[in-house]
Amino acid sequence: MTRTIRSMMVWGVVGVAGLVLTGCDSAPRPVPHSAEVSLGDTLQGQTVEVDIVGVNNDANLAEWEAYNVNDYFKAGDARRAESRKYTMKFAQGSTSTVTLSKDDAAWKDWNKPTHLVVLANIPGLSDQGGRPTDPRRKVLPMYSNFWEKQELQITVQRSGVKVLTPEKPKKK
């Protein structure tokens, strides 16, 4: 009898240790989302560039949040030239909506990004400098539990980048 209880205790400890070592699988995971980017009415017919960059770690995210958007869109900027990005160009006569599909090859290139950084070169809005709150930059979490839908709707307006997709309510 004592041997049976001891055996059950050993297997119980092994089972608990296995759960602790493998972690809980209920944590939210980053998942690809489609991103539909459109120009607001006040920018129709103007030339606007939008870059979307996938970031898969906190160290790189902090750099993207602090980087000067003016510098990023200057000709010859090394960060822009070297980044793995999805570029959307809007101009007179072109479509006013462009979609990055959740099946696009960029997602593989970004290697499971936890965030997308959306940067827009908006005419007349260049005095924001490198502020983290620069309205030409939006940082979007890609976790499965963050957005109401996996189709993000983003609009670029004269005042900055706006996300129209609602977030999921926070669990209390």
C-alpha atoms as a PDB file:
ATOM      1  CA  MET A   1       0.000   0.000   0.000  1.00  0.00           C
ATOM      2  CA  THR A   2       2.772   2.425   0.895  1.00  0.00           C
ATOM      3  CA  ARG A   3       4.553   1.580  -2.331  1.00  0.00           C
ATOM      4  CA  THR A   4       1.412   2.416  -4.366  1.00  0.00           C
ATOM      5  CA  ILE A   5       0.968   5.785  -2.642  1.00  0.00           C
ATOM      6  CA  ARG A   6       4.646   6.607  -3.114  1.00  0.00           C
ATOM      7  CA  SER A   7       4.418   5.655  -6.807  1.00  0.00           C
ATOM      8  CA  MET A   8       1.338   7.854  -7.274  1.00  0.00           C
ATOM      9  CA  MET A   9       3.105  10.776  -5.586  1.00  0.00           C
ATOM     10  CA  VAL A  10       6.158  10.401  -7.841  1.00  0.00           C
ATOM     11  CA  TRP A  11       4.017  10.340 -10.983  1.00  0.00           C
ATOM     12  CA  GLY A  12       2.035  13.324  -9.684  1.00  0.00           C
ATOM     13  CA  VAL A  13       5.244  15.315  -9.199  1.00  0.00           C
ATOM     14  CA  VAL A  14       6.478  14.271 -12.655  1.00  0.00           C
ATOM     15  CA  GLY A  15       3.164  15.358 -14.198  1.00  0.00           C
ATOM     16  CA  VAL A  16       3.183  18.763 -12.486  1.00  0.00           C
ATOM     17  CA  ALA A  17       6.841  19.287 -13.424  1.00  0.00           C
ATOM     18  CA  GLY A  18       5.991  18.474 -17.032  1.00  0.00           C
ATOM     19  CA  LEU A  19       3.238  21.095 -17.090  1.00  0.00           C
ATOM     20  CA  VAL A  20       5.504  23.715 -15.527  1.00  0.00           C
ATOM     21  CA  LEU A  21       8.374  23.017 -17.920  1.00  0.00           C
ATOM     22  CA  THR A  22       6.252  23.021 -21.078  1.00  0.00           C
ATOM     23  CA  GLY A  23       4.243  26.071 -20.075  1.00  0.00           C
ATOM     24  CA  CYS A  24       0.605  26.772 -20.515  1.00  0.00           C
ATOM     25  CA  ASP A  25      -0.676  26.762 -24.072  1.00  0.00           C
ATOM     26  CA  SER A  26      -3.414  29.298 -23.426  1.00  0.00           C
ATOM     27  CA  ALA A  27      -1.166  32.349 -23.866  1.00  0.00           C
ATOM     28  CA  PRO A  28      -2.145  34.546 -26.810  1.00  0.00           C
ATOM     29  CA  ARG A  29      -0.032  33.978 -29.905  1.00  0.00           C
ATOM     30  CA  PRO A  30       0.805  36.369 -32.698  1.00  0.00           C
ATOM     31  CA  VAL A  31      -1.238  35.621 -35.821  1.00  0.00           C
ATOM     32  CA  PRO A  32      -1.268  37.240 -39.270  1.00  0.00           C
ATOM     33  CA  HIS A  33      -4.022  39.761 -39.896  1.00  0.00           C
ATOM     34  CA  SER A  34      -4.983  41.315 -43.200  1.00  0.00           C
ATOM     35  CA  ALA A  35      -4.516  45.085 -43.212  1.00  0.00           C
ATOM     36  CA  GLU A  36      -6.689  47.229 -45.453  1.00  0.00           C
ATOM     37  CA  VAL A  37      -5.189  50.707 -45.754  1.00  0.00           C
ATOM     38  CA  SER A  38      -7.168  53.535 -47.309  1.00  0.00           C
ATOM     39  CA  LEU A  39      -6.676  57.253 -47.780  1.00  0.00           C
ATOM     40  CA  GLY A  40      -8.974  59.724 -46.081  1.00  0.00           C
ATOM     41  CA  ASP A  41     -10.918  62.202 -48.208  1.00  0.00           C
ATOM     42  CA  THR A  42      -8.476  65.071 -47.612  1.00  0.00           C
ATOM     43  CA  LEU A  43      -5.574  63.058 -49.065  1.00  0.00           C
ATOM     44  CA  GLN A  44      -7.336  61.773 -52.195  1.00  0.00           C
ATOM     45  CA  GLY A  45      -5.245  62.514 -55.288  1.00  0.00           C
ATOM     46  CA  GLN A  46      -2.065  63.176 -53.271  1.00  0.00           C
ATOM     47  CA  THR A  47       1.063  61.068 -53.179  1.00  0.00           C
ATOM     48  CA  VAL A  48       1.290  59.128 -49.920  1.00  0.00           C
ATOM     49  CA  GLU A  49       3.639  56.274 -49.061  1.00  0.00           C
ATOM     50  CA  VAL A  50       2.790  53.782 -46.335  1.00  0.00           C
ATOM     51  CA  ASP A  51       5.221  51.160 -45.057  1.00  0.00           C
ATOM     52  CA  ILE A  52       4.203  48.255 -42.843  1.00  0.00           C
ATOM     53  CA  VAL A  53       7.000  46.578 -40.899  1.00  0.00           C
ATOM     54  CA  GLY A  54       6.646  43.350 -38.925  1.00  0.00           C
ATOM     55  CA  VAL A  55       8.539  43.315 -35.615  1.00  0.00           C
ATOM     56  CA  ASN A  56       9.030  40.113 -33.649  1.00  0.00           C
ATOM     57  CA  ASN A  57      10.823  41.183 -30.471  1.00  0.00           C
ATOM     58  CA  ASP A  58      10.612  43.933 -27.857  1.00  0.00           C
ATOM     59  CA  ALA A  59      14.128  45.293 -28.433  1.00  0.00           C
ATOM     60  CA  ASN A  60      13.432  46.017 -32.096  1.00  0.00           C
ATOM     61  CA  LEU A  61       9.961  47.351 -31.264  1.00  0.00           C
ATOM     62  CA  ALA A  62      11.451  49.957 -28.906  1.00  0.00           C
ATOM     63  CA  GLU A  63      13.779  51.115 -31.700  1.00  0.00           C
ATOM     64  CA  TRP A  64      10.884  51.445 -34.159  1.00  0.00           C
ATOM     65  CA  GLU A  65       8.805  53.377 -31.630  1.00  0.00           C
ATOM     66  CA  ALA A  66      11.630  55.858 -31.050  1.00  0.00           C
ATOM     67  CA  TYR A  67      12.864  56.238 -34.631  1.00  0.00           C
ATOM     68  CA  ASN A  68      12.346  59.648 -36.229  1.00  0.00           C
ATOM     69  CA  VAL A  69       9.680  59.310 -38.933  1.00  0.00           C
ATOM     70  CA  ASN A  70      11.141  62.304 -40.813  1.00  0.00           C
ATOM     71  CA  ASP A  71      14.479  60.483 -41.030  1.00  0.00           C
ATOM     72  CA  TYR A  72      12.791  57.234 -42.055  1.00  0.00           C
ATOM     73  CA  PHE A  73      11.244  58.816 -45.158  1.00  0.00           C
ATOM     74  CA  LYS A  74      14.372  60.803 -46.155  1.00  0.00           C
ATOM     75  CA  ALA A  75      16.059  59.606 -49.338  1.00  0.00           C
ATOM     76  CA  GLY A  76      18.795  57.092 -48.559  1.00  0.00           C
ATOM     77  CA  ASP A  77      17.682  56.303 -44.999  1.00  0.00           C
ATOM     78  CA  ALA A  78      19.494  53.097 -44.032  1.00  0.00           C
ATOM     79  CA  ARG A  79      16.754  51.837 -41.691  1.00  0.00           C
ATOM     80  CA  ARG A  80      14.124  52.101 -44.422  1.00  0.00           C
ATOM     81  CA  ALA A  81      16.404  50.584 -47.054  1.00  0.00           C
ATOM     82  CA  GLU A  82      17.331  47.627 -44.829  1.00  0.00           C
ATOM     83  CA  SER A  83      13.935  46.915 -43.280  1.00  0.00           C
ATOM     84  CA  ARG A  84      11.690  44.099 -44.382  1.00  0.00           C
ATOM     85  CA  LYS A  85       8.609  46.079 -45.218  1.00  0.00           C
ATOM     86  CA  TYR A  86       5.437  46.021 -47.247  1.00  0.00           C
ATOM     87  CA  THR A  87       5.146  49.326 -49.121  1.00  0.00           C
ATOM     88  CA  MET A  88       1.907  50.855 -50.356  1.00  0.00           C
ATOM     89  CA  LYS A  89       2.014  53.822 -52.727  1.00  0.00           C
ATOM     90  CA  PHE A  90      -0.992  56.017 -53.271  1.00  0.00           C
ATOM     91  CA  ALA A  91      -1.004  58.633 -56.022  1.00  0.00           C
ATOM     92  CA  GLN A  92      -3.401  60.509 -58.255  1.00  0.00           C
ATOM     93  CA  GLY A  93      -5.233  58.033 -60.458  1.00  0.00           C
ATOM     94  CA  SER A  94      -4.369  55.014 -58.332  1.00  0.00           C
ATOM     95  CA  THR A  95      -6.642  53.061 -56.041  1.00  0.00           C
ATOM     96  CA  SER A  96      -7.393  54.639 -52.683  1.00  0.00           C
ATOM     97  CA  THR A  97      -7.359  51.295 -50.840  1.00  0.00           C
ATOM     98  CA  VAL A  98      -4.577  48.682 -50.692  1.00  0.00           C
ATOM     99  CA  THR A  99      -4.709  45.424 -48.715  1.00  0.00           C
ATOM    100  CA  LEU A 100      -1.903  43.412 -47.189  1.00  0.00           C
ATOM    101  CA  SER A 101      -3.344  39.882 -47.150  1.00  0.00           C
ATOM    102  CA  LYS A 102      -2.805  37.671 -44.126  1.00  0.00           C
ATOM    103  CA  ASP A 103      -1.479  35.125 -46.649  1.00  0.00           C
ATOM    104  CA  ASP A 104       1.104  37.498 -48.164  1.00  0.00           C
ATOM    105  CA  ALA A 105       4.743  36.345 -48.258  1.00  0.00           C
ATOM    106  CA  ALA A 106       5.685  39.323 -46.049  1.00  0.00           C
ATOM    107  CA  TRP A 107       4.352  37.437 -43.025  1.00  0.00           C
ATOM    108  CA  LYS A 108       6.894  34.640 -43.529  1.00  0.00           C
ATOM    109  CA  ASP A 109       9.605  37.243 -44.035  1.00  0.00           C
ATOM    110  CA  TRP A 110       8.711  38.843 -40.698  1.00  0.00           C
ATOM    111  CA  ASN A 111       8.852  35.502 -38.843  1.00  0.00           C
ATOM    112  CA  LYS A 112       5.763  35.607 -36.593  1.00  0.00           C
ATOM    113  CA  PRO A 113       5.701  39.309 -35.762  1.00  0.00           C
ATOM    114  CA  THR A 114       4.185  40.341 -32.454  1.00  0.00           C
ATOM    115  CA  HIS A 115       3.514  43.854 -33.793  1.00  0.00           C
ATOM    116  CA  LEU A 116       3.113  45.712 -37.058  1.00  0.00           C
ATOM    117  CA  VAL A 117       4.512  49.218 -37.301  1.00  0.00           C
ATOM    118  CA  VAL A 118       2.610  51.355 -39.805  1.00  0.00           C
ATOM    119  CA  LEU A 119       4.499  54.419 -41.038  1.00  0.00           C
ATOM    120  CA  ALA A 120       2.978  56.990 -43.393  1.00  0.00           C
ATOM    121  CA  ASN A 121       4.659  59.801 -45.286  1.00  0.00           C
ATOM    122  CA  ILE A 122       1.798  62.315 -45.142  1.00  0.00           C
ATOM    123  CA  PRO A 123       2.177  65.579 -47.093  1.00  0.00           C
ATOM    124  CA  GLY A 124       2.253  68.604 -44.785  1.00  0.00           C
ATOM    125  CA  LEU A 125       2.718  66.571 -41.602  1.00  0.00           C
ATOM    126  CA  SER A 126       6.469  66.465 -41.079  1.00  0.00           C
ATOM    127  CA  ASP A 127       7.021  68.534 -37.932  1.00  0.00           C
ATOM    128  CA  GLN A 128       6.483  65.638 -35.521  1.00  0.00           C
ATOM    129  CA  GLY A 129      10.109  64.519 -35.447  1.00  0.00           C
ATOM    130  CA  GLY A 130      11.013  61.406 -33.530  1.00  0.00           C
ATOM    131  CA  ARG A 131       8.335  61.592 -30.866  1.00  0.00           C
ATOM    132  CA  PRO A 132       6.930  58.189 -29.904  1.00  0.00           C
ATOM    133  CA  THR A 133       3.463  59.712 -30.315  1.00  0.00           C
ATOM    134  CA  ASP A 134       4.120  60.829 -33.903  1.00  0.00           C
ATOM    135  CA  PRO A 135       0.675  60.508 -35.573  1.00  0.00           C
ATOM    136  CA  ARG A 136       2.321  59.165 -38.741  1.00  0.00           C
ATOM    137  CA  ARG A 137       3.242  55.957 -36.878  1.00  0.00           C
ATOM    138  CA  LYS A 138       0.944  53.329 -35.371  1.00  0.00           C
ATOM    139  CA  VAL A 139       2.082  50.192 -33.562  1.00  0.00           C
ATOM    140  CA  LEU A 140      -0.450  47.369 -33.840  1.00  0.00           C
ATOM    141  CA  PRO A 141      -0.303  44.211 -31.689  1.00  0.00           C
ATOM    142  CA  MET A 142      -0.811  41.010 -33.668  1.00  0.00           C
ATOM    143  CA  TYR A 143      -1.976  38.785 -30.816  1.00  0.00           C
ATOM    144  CA  SER A 144      -4.961  36.537 -31.439  1.00  0.00           C
ATOM    145  CA  ASN A 145      -6.896  37.992 -28.510  1.00  0.00           C
ATOM    146  CA  PHE A 146      -6.394  41.713 -29.243  1.00  0.00           C
ATOM    147  CA  TRP A 147      -8.623  42.696 -32.200  1.00  0.00           C
ATOM    148  CA  GLU A 148     -12.311  42.036 -32.792  1.00  0.00           C
ATOM    149  CA  LYS A 149     -11.517  40.801 -36.326  1.00  0.00           C
ATOM    150  CA  GLN A 150      -8.474  39.521 -38.162  1.00  0.00           C
ATOM    151  CA  GLU A 151      -9.096  42.119 -40.870  1.00  0.00           C
ATOM    152  CA  LEU A 152      -7.630  45.424 -39.729  1.00  0.00           C
ATOM    153  CA  GLN A 153      -8.984  48.618 -41.258  1.00  0.00           C
ATOM    154  CA  ILE A 154      -6.547  51.509 -41.263  1.00  0.00           C
ATOM    155  CA  THR A 155      -7.072  54.947 -42.733  1.00  0.00           C
ATOM    156  CA  VAL A 156      -4.420  57.540 -43.434  1.00  0.00           C
ATOM    157  CA  GLN A 157      -5.698  61.051 -42.916  1.00  0.00           C
ATOM    158  CA  ARG A 158      -4.045  64.443 -43.039  1.00  0.00           C
ATOM    159  CA  SER A 159      -3.897  64.302 -39.204  1.00  0.00           C
ATOM    160  CA  GLY A 160      -2.220  60.877 -39.073  1.00  0.00           C
ATOM    161  CA  VAL A 161      -2.762  57.124 -39.162  1.00  0.00           C
ATOM    162  CA  LYS A 162      -6.036  55.899 -37.612  1.00  0.00           C
ATOM    163  CA  VAL A 163      -7.086  52.316 -36.807  1.00  0.00           C
ATOM    164  CA  LEU A 164     -10.798  51.730 -37.351  1.00  0.00           C
ATOM    165  CA  THR A 165     -10.953  48.092 -36.194  1.00  0.00           C
ATOM    166  CA  PRO A 166     -12.143  47.852 -32.596  1.00  0.00           C
ATOM    167  CA  GLU A 167     -10.138  46.055 -29.937  1.00  0.00           C
ATOM    168  CA  LYS A 168     -11.662  43.111 -28.086  1.00  0.00           C
ATOM    169  CA  PRO A 169     -12.957  44.039 -24.641  1.00  0.00           C
ATOM    170  CA  LYS A 170     -10.372  43.437 -21.923  1.00  0.00           C
ATOM    171  CA  LYS A 171     -11.150  40.503 -19.632  1.00  0.00           C
ATOM    172  CA  LYS A 172     -11.465  41.456 -15.995  1.00  0.00           C
END
